[in-house]
C-alpha atoms as a PDB file:
ATOM      1  CA  MET A   1      10.870  64.115 -13.823  1.00  0.00           C
ATOM      2  CA  ASP A   2       7.587  65.946 -13.487  1.00  0.00           C
ATOM      3  CA  ALA A   3       5.420  64.974 -10.502  1.00  0.00           C
ATOM      4  CA  SER A   4       2.428  64.436 -12.777  1.00  0.00           C
ATOM      5  CA  ILE A   5       4.424  62.035 -14.956  1.00  0.00           C
ATOM      6  CA  ASP A   6       5.464  60.143 -11.820  1.00  0.00           C
ATOM      7  CA  ALA A   7       1.826  59.948 -10.769  1.00  0.00           C
ATOM      8  CA  ILE A   8       0.747  58.744 -14.214  1.00  0.00           C
ATOM      9  CA  THR A   9       3.514  56.139 -14.302  1.00  0.00           C
ATOM     10  CA  ASN A  10       2.556  54.933 -10.832  1.00  0.00           C
ATOM     11  CA  ASN A  11      -1.118  54.709 -11.831  1.00  0.00           C
ATOM     12  CA  ILE A  12      -0.315  52.681 -14.925  1.00  0.00           C
ATOM     13  CA  GLN A  13       1.946  50.315 -12.979  1.00  0.00           C
ATOM     14  CA  LEU A  14      -0.687  49.861 -10.292  1.00  0.00           C
ATOM     15  CA  ALA A  15      -3.438  49.122 -12.801  1.00  0.00           C
ATOM     16  CA  LEU A  16      -1.353  46.793 -14.972  1.00  0.00           C
ATOM     17  CA  ALA A  17       0.374  44.696 -12.313  1.00  0.00           C
ATOM     18  CA  PRO A  18      -2.507  42.156 -12.129  1.00  0.00           C
ATOM     19  CA  VAL A  19      -2.406  41.818 -15.928  1.00  0.00           C
ATOM     20  CA  PHE A  20       0.656  39.589 -15.562  1.00  0.00           C
ATOM     21  CA  LEU A  21      -1.520  37.210 -13.575  1.00  0.00           C
ATOM     22  CA  LEU A  22      -3.890  37.131 -16.552  1.00  0.00           C
ATOM     23  CA  THR A  23      -1.022  35.684 -18.590  1.00  0.00           C
ATOM     24  CA  ALA A  24      -0.814  32.821 -16.104  1.00  0.00           C
ATOM     25  CA  VAL A  25      -4.593  32.386 -16.369  1.00  0.00           C
ATOM     26  CA  ALA A  26      -4.397  32.126 -20.173  1.00  0.00           C
ATOM     27  CA  THR A  27      -1.518  29.648 -19.970  1.00  0.00           C
ATOM     28  CA  LEU A  28      -3.422  27.483 -17.499  1.00  0.00           C
ATOM     29  CA  ILE A  29      -6.548  27.537 -19.678  1.00  0.00           C
ATOM     30  CA  ASN A  30      -4.418  26.345 -22.592  1.00  0.00           C
ATOM     31  CA  ALA A  31      -2.834  23.527 -20.572  1.00  0.00           C
ATOM     32  CA  ILE A  32      -6.135  22.303 -19.133  1.00  0.00           C
ATOM     33  CA  SER A  33      -7.830  22.486 -22.535  1.00  0.00           C
ATOM     34  CA  ALA A  34      -5.096  20.279 -24.000  1.00  0.00           C
ATOM     35  CA  ARG A  35      -5.603  17.708 -21.216  1.00  0.00           C
ATOM     36  CA  LEU A  36      -9.360  17.824 -21.756  1.00  0.00           C
ATOM     37  CA  ALA A  37      -8.981  17.347 -25.512  1.00  0.00           C
ATOM     38  CA  ARG A  38      -6.742  14.295 -25.061  1.00  0.00           C
ATOM     39  CA  THR A  39      -9.179  12.806 -22.549  1.00  0.00           C
ATOM     40  CA  VAL A  40     -12.175  13.359 -24.823  1.00  0.00           C
ATOM     41  CA  ASP A  41     -10.310  11.880 -27.788  1.00  0.00           C
ATOM     42  CA  ARG A  42      -9.392   8.799 -25.761  1.00  0.00           C
ATOM     43  CA  MET A  43     -12.961   8.332 -24.534  1.00  0.00           C
ATOM     44  CA  ARG A  44     -14.332   8.638 -28.084  1.00  0.00           C
ATOM     45  CA  ASP A  45     -11.756   6.142 -29.361  1.00  0.00           C
ATOM     46  CA  ILE A  46     -12.731   3.607 -26.698  1.00  0.00           C
ATOM     47  CA  GLN A  47     -16.452   4.095 -27.288  1.00  0.00           C
ATOM     48  CA  GLN A  48     -15.990   3.717 -31.056  1.00  0.00           C
ATOM     49  CA  LYS A  49     -14.101   0.439 -30.637  1.00  0.00           C
ATOM     50  CA  ILE A  50     -16.818  -0.896 -28.335  1.00  0.00           C
ATOM     51  CA  GLN A  51     -19.645   0.181 -30.671  1.00  0.00           C
ATOM     52  CA  ASP A  52     -17.916  -1.235 -33.759  1.00  0.00           C
ATOM     53  CA  GLY A  53     -17.578  -4.589 -32.030  1.00  0.00           C
ATOM     54  CA  LEU A  54     -13.814  -4.665 -32.579  1.00  0.00           C
ATOM     55  CA  VAL A  55     -13.303  -6.076 -29.082  1.00  0.00           C
ATOM     56  CA  THR A  56     -14.989  -9.345 -28.240  1.00  0.00           C
ATOM     57  CA  ASP A  57     -13.054 -10.446 -25.170  1.00  0.00           C
ATOM     58  CA  GLU A  58     -15.244  -9.782 -22.115  1.00  0.00           C
ATOM     59  CA  ASN A  59     -12.255  -8.911 -19.884  1.00  0.00           C
ATOM     60  CA  MET A  60     -10.983  -6.389 -22.429  1.00  0.00           C
ATOM     61  CA  LEU A  61     -14.478  -4.894 -22.812  1.00  0.00           C
ATOM     62  CA  SER A  62     -14.718  -4.500 -19.051  1.00  0.00           C
ATOM     63  CA  HIS A  63     -11.295  -2.842 -18.951  1.00  0.00           C
ATOM     64  CA  MET A  64     -12.241  -0.480 -21.787  1.00  0.00           C
ATOM     65  CA  ARG A  65     -15.498   0.501 -20.082  1.00  0.00           C
ATOM     66  CA  THR A  66     -13.596   1.208 -16.882  1.00  0.00           C
ATOM     67  CA  GLU A  67     -11.092   3.322 -18.814  1.00  0.00           C
ATOM     68  CA  ALA A  68     -13.935   5.229 -20.513  1.00  0.00           C
ATOM     69  CA  ASN A  69     -15.498   5.964 -17.120  1.00  0.00           C
ATOM     70  CA  GLU A  70     -12.143   7.154 -15.798  1.00  0.00           C
ATOM     71  CA  ALA A  71     -11.799   9.429 -18.825  1.00  0.00           C
ATOM     72  CA  LYS A  72     -15.253  10.824 -18.076  1.00  0.00           C
ATOM     73  CA  VAL A  73     -14.192  11.675 -14.509  1.00  0.00           C
ATOM     74  CA  ARG A  74     -11.003  13.287 -15.790  1.00  0.00           C
ATOM     75  CA  GLY A  75     -13.034  15.317 -18.304  1.00  0.00           C
ATOM     76  CA  ARG A  76     -15.320  16.564 -15.563  1.00  0.00           C
ATOM     77  CA  LEU A  77     -12.344  17.577 -13.437  1.00  0.00           C
ATOM     78  CA  CYS A  78     -10.788  19.449 -16.360  1.00  0.00           C
ATOM     79  CA  THR A  79     -14.073  21.214 -17.078  1.00  0.00           C
ATOM     80  CA  LEU A  80     -14.390  22.262 -13.440  1.00  0.00           C
ATOM     81  CA  ALA A  81     -10.793  23.506 -13.434  1.00  0.00           C
ATOM     82  CA  ILE A  82     -11.474  25.554 -16.578  1.00  0.00           C
ATOM     83  CA  PHE A  83     -14.546  27.071 -14.905  1.00  0.00           C
ATOM     84  CA  PHE A  84     -12.507  28.246 -11.930  1.00  0.00           C
ATOM     85  CA  VAL A  85      -9.599  29.564 -13.982  1.00  0.00           C
ATOM     86  CA  VAL A  86     -11.990  31.546 -16.210  1.00  0.00           C
ATOM     87  CA  LEU A  87     -13.714  32.865 -13.079  1.00  0.00           C
ATOM     88  CA  SER A  88     -10.275  33.884 -11.832  1.00  0.00           C
ATOM     89  CA  GLY A  89      -9.650  35.761 -15.072  1.00  0.00           C
ATOM     90  CA  VAL A  90     -12.941  37.614 -14.707  1.00  0.00           C
ATOM     91  CA  PHE A  91     -12.134  38.681 -11.131  1.00  0.00           C
ATOM     92  CA  ILE A  92      -8.609  39.763 -12.032  1.00  0.00           C
ATOM     93  CA  SER A  93      -9.918  41.709 -15.033  1.00  0.00           C
ATOM     94  CA  LEU A  94     -12.389  43.454 -12.738  1.00  0.00           C
ATOM     95  CA  THR A  95      -9.497  44.286 -10.432  1.00  0.00           C
ATOM     96  CA  VAL A  96      -7.580  45.870 -13.313  1.00  0.00           C
ATOM     97  CA  LEU A  97     -10.604  47.929 -14.339  1.00  0.00           C
ATOM     98  CA  GLU A  98     -11.281  49.024 -10.767  1.00  0.00           C
ATOM     99  CA  LEU A  99      -7.679  50.064 -10.217  1.00  0.00           C
ATOM    100  CA  PHE A 100      -7.538  51.900 -13.515  1.00  0.00           C
ATOM    101  CA  PHE A 101     -10.775  53.826 -12.960  1.00  0.00           C
ATOM    102  CA  PHE A 102      -9.927  54.500  -9.328  1.00  0.00           C
ATOM    103  CA  GLN A 103      -6.438  55.790 -10.123  1.00  0.00           C
ATOM    104  CA  ALA A 104      -7.663  57.819 -13.093  1.00  0.00           C
ATOM    105  CA  GLY A 105     -10.207  59.497 -10.847  1.00  0.00           C
ATOM    106  CA  ALA A 106     -13.078  58.467 -13.117  1.00  0.00           C
ATOM    107  CA  VAL A 107     -14.946  56.895 -10.232  1.00  0.00           C
ATOM    108  CA  ARG A 108     -14.789  58.667  -6.890  1.00  0.00           C
ATOM    109  CA  SER A 109     -17.301  56.440  -5.119  1.00  0.00           C
ATOM    110  CA  LEU A 110     -15.323  53.230  -5.709  1.00  0.00           C
ATOM    111  CA  LYS A 111     -14.488  51.622  -2.418  1.00  0.00           C
ATOM    112  CA  THR A 112     -11.092  50.034  -1.942  1.00  0.00           C
ATOM    113  CA  GLU A 113     -12.809  46.959  -0.518  1.00  0.00           C
ATOM    114  CA  TYR A 114     -14.046  46.115  -4.016  1.00  0.00           C
ATOM    115  CA  VAL A 115     -10.491  46.041  -5.337  1.00  0.00           C
ATOM    116  CA  ILE A 116      -9.333  43.865  -2.470  1.00  0.00           C
ATOM    117  CA  TRP A 117     -12.243  41.435  -2.800  1.00  0.00           C
ATOM    118  CA  THR A 118     -12.037  41.023  -6.567  1.00  0.00           C
ATOM    119  CA  PHE A 119      -8.285  40.407  -6.389  1.00  0.00           C
ATOM    120  CA  VAL A 120      -8.573  37.956  -3.484  1.00  0.00           C
ATOM    121  CA  LEU A 121     -11.459  36.110  -5.164  1.00  0.00           C
ATOM    122  CA  GLY A 122      -9.390  35.954  -8.351  1.00  0.00           C
ATOM    123  CA  LEU A 123      -6.476  34.393  -6.489  1.00  0.00           C
ATOM    124  CA  ILE A 124      -8.740  31.952  -4.645  1.00  0.00           C
ATOM    125  CA  SER A 125     -10.347  30.894  -7.931  1.00  0.00           C
ATOM    126  CA  PHE A 126      -6.898  30.468  -9.497  1.00  0.00           C
ATOM    127  CA  MET A 127      -5.688  28.342  -6.575  1.00  0.00           C
ATOM    128  CA  THR A 128      -8.894  26.276  -6.710  1.00  0.00           C
ATOM    129  CA  SER A 129      -8.278  25.602 -10.386  1.00  0.00           C
ATOM    130  CA  LEU A 130      -4.669  24.608  -9.715  1.00  0.00           C
ATOM    131  CA  SER A 131      -5.837  22.246  -6.962  1.00  0.00           C
ATOM    132  CA  ILE A 132      -8.365  20.614  -9.275  1.00  0.00           C
ATOM    133  CA  VAL A 133      -5.701  20.209 -11.976  1.00  0.00           C
ATOM    134  CA  LEU A 134      -3.430  18.561  -9.421  1.00  0.00           C
ATOM    135  CA  GLY A 135      -6.272  16.204  -8.475  1.00  0.00           C
ATOM    136  CA  GLU A 136      -6.866  15.372 -12.139  1.00  0.00           C
ATOM    137  CA  VAL A 137      -3.166  14.644 -12.713  1.00  0.00           C
ATOM    138  CA  ILE A 138      -3.034  12.369  -9.662  1.00  0.00           C
ATOM    139  CA  TYR A 139      -6.240  10.615 -10.774  1.00  0.00           C
ATOM    140  CA  ALA A 140      -4.780  10.154 -14.274  1.00  0.00           C
ATOM    141  CA  TYR A 141      -1.636   8.644 -12.767  1.00  0.00           C
ATOM    142  CA  TRP A 142      -3.586   6.198 -10.611  1.00  0.00           C
ATOM    143  CA  SER A 143      -6.042   5.278 -13.346  1.00  0.00           C
ATOM    144  CA  ALA A 144      -3.152   4.534 -15.736  1.00  0.00           C
ATOM    145  CA  GLY A 145      -2.042   1.782 -13.353  1.00  0.00           C
ATOM    146  CA  TRP A 146       1.519   3.087 -12.986  1.00  0.00           C
ATOM    147  CA  HIS A 147       1.298   2.605  -9.253  1.00  0.00           C
ATOM    148  CA  LEU A 148       0.868  -1.169  -9.695  1.00  0.00           C
ATOM    149  CA  HIS A 149       3.877  -3.443  -9.531  1.00  0.00           C
ATOM    150  CA  ARG A 150       4.377  -5.367 -12.749  1.00  0.00           C
ATOM    151  CA  ARG A 151       5.731  -8.885 -12.810  1.00  0.00           C
END
């Protein structure tokens, strides 16, 4: 194989390796969006029942208001997780561009520190999003009352 073809192949592999992480980012955005949509739908359903006056029992109304507030917290957590996963995608995309331009020789003044920082910030943002999703799942579990012993 020609040395230039080896160099080109190496450059493409180097620039495209972080793209696989972008697939994980897209999958996580999809999963969080689905959780957010279910939470919003549940909150709207509860609010509609309260506004329509379908529930008259004061204990049930109190329970429904509590559940609506819990859904609001879950929605905020999902929104924050989406923010961080999108931020991760931006940093990883910047990493891909930097690596591509650096390896192609289009930009000679590009410092390797930029590549390192954008990739590390992308991973930190991704891990932050995963941590928030974990917190939202745990909160959903506890707010559902599954941890309570039933008689």
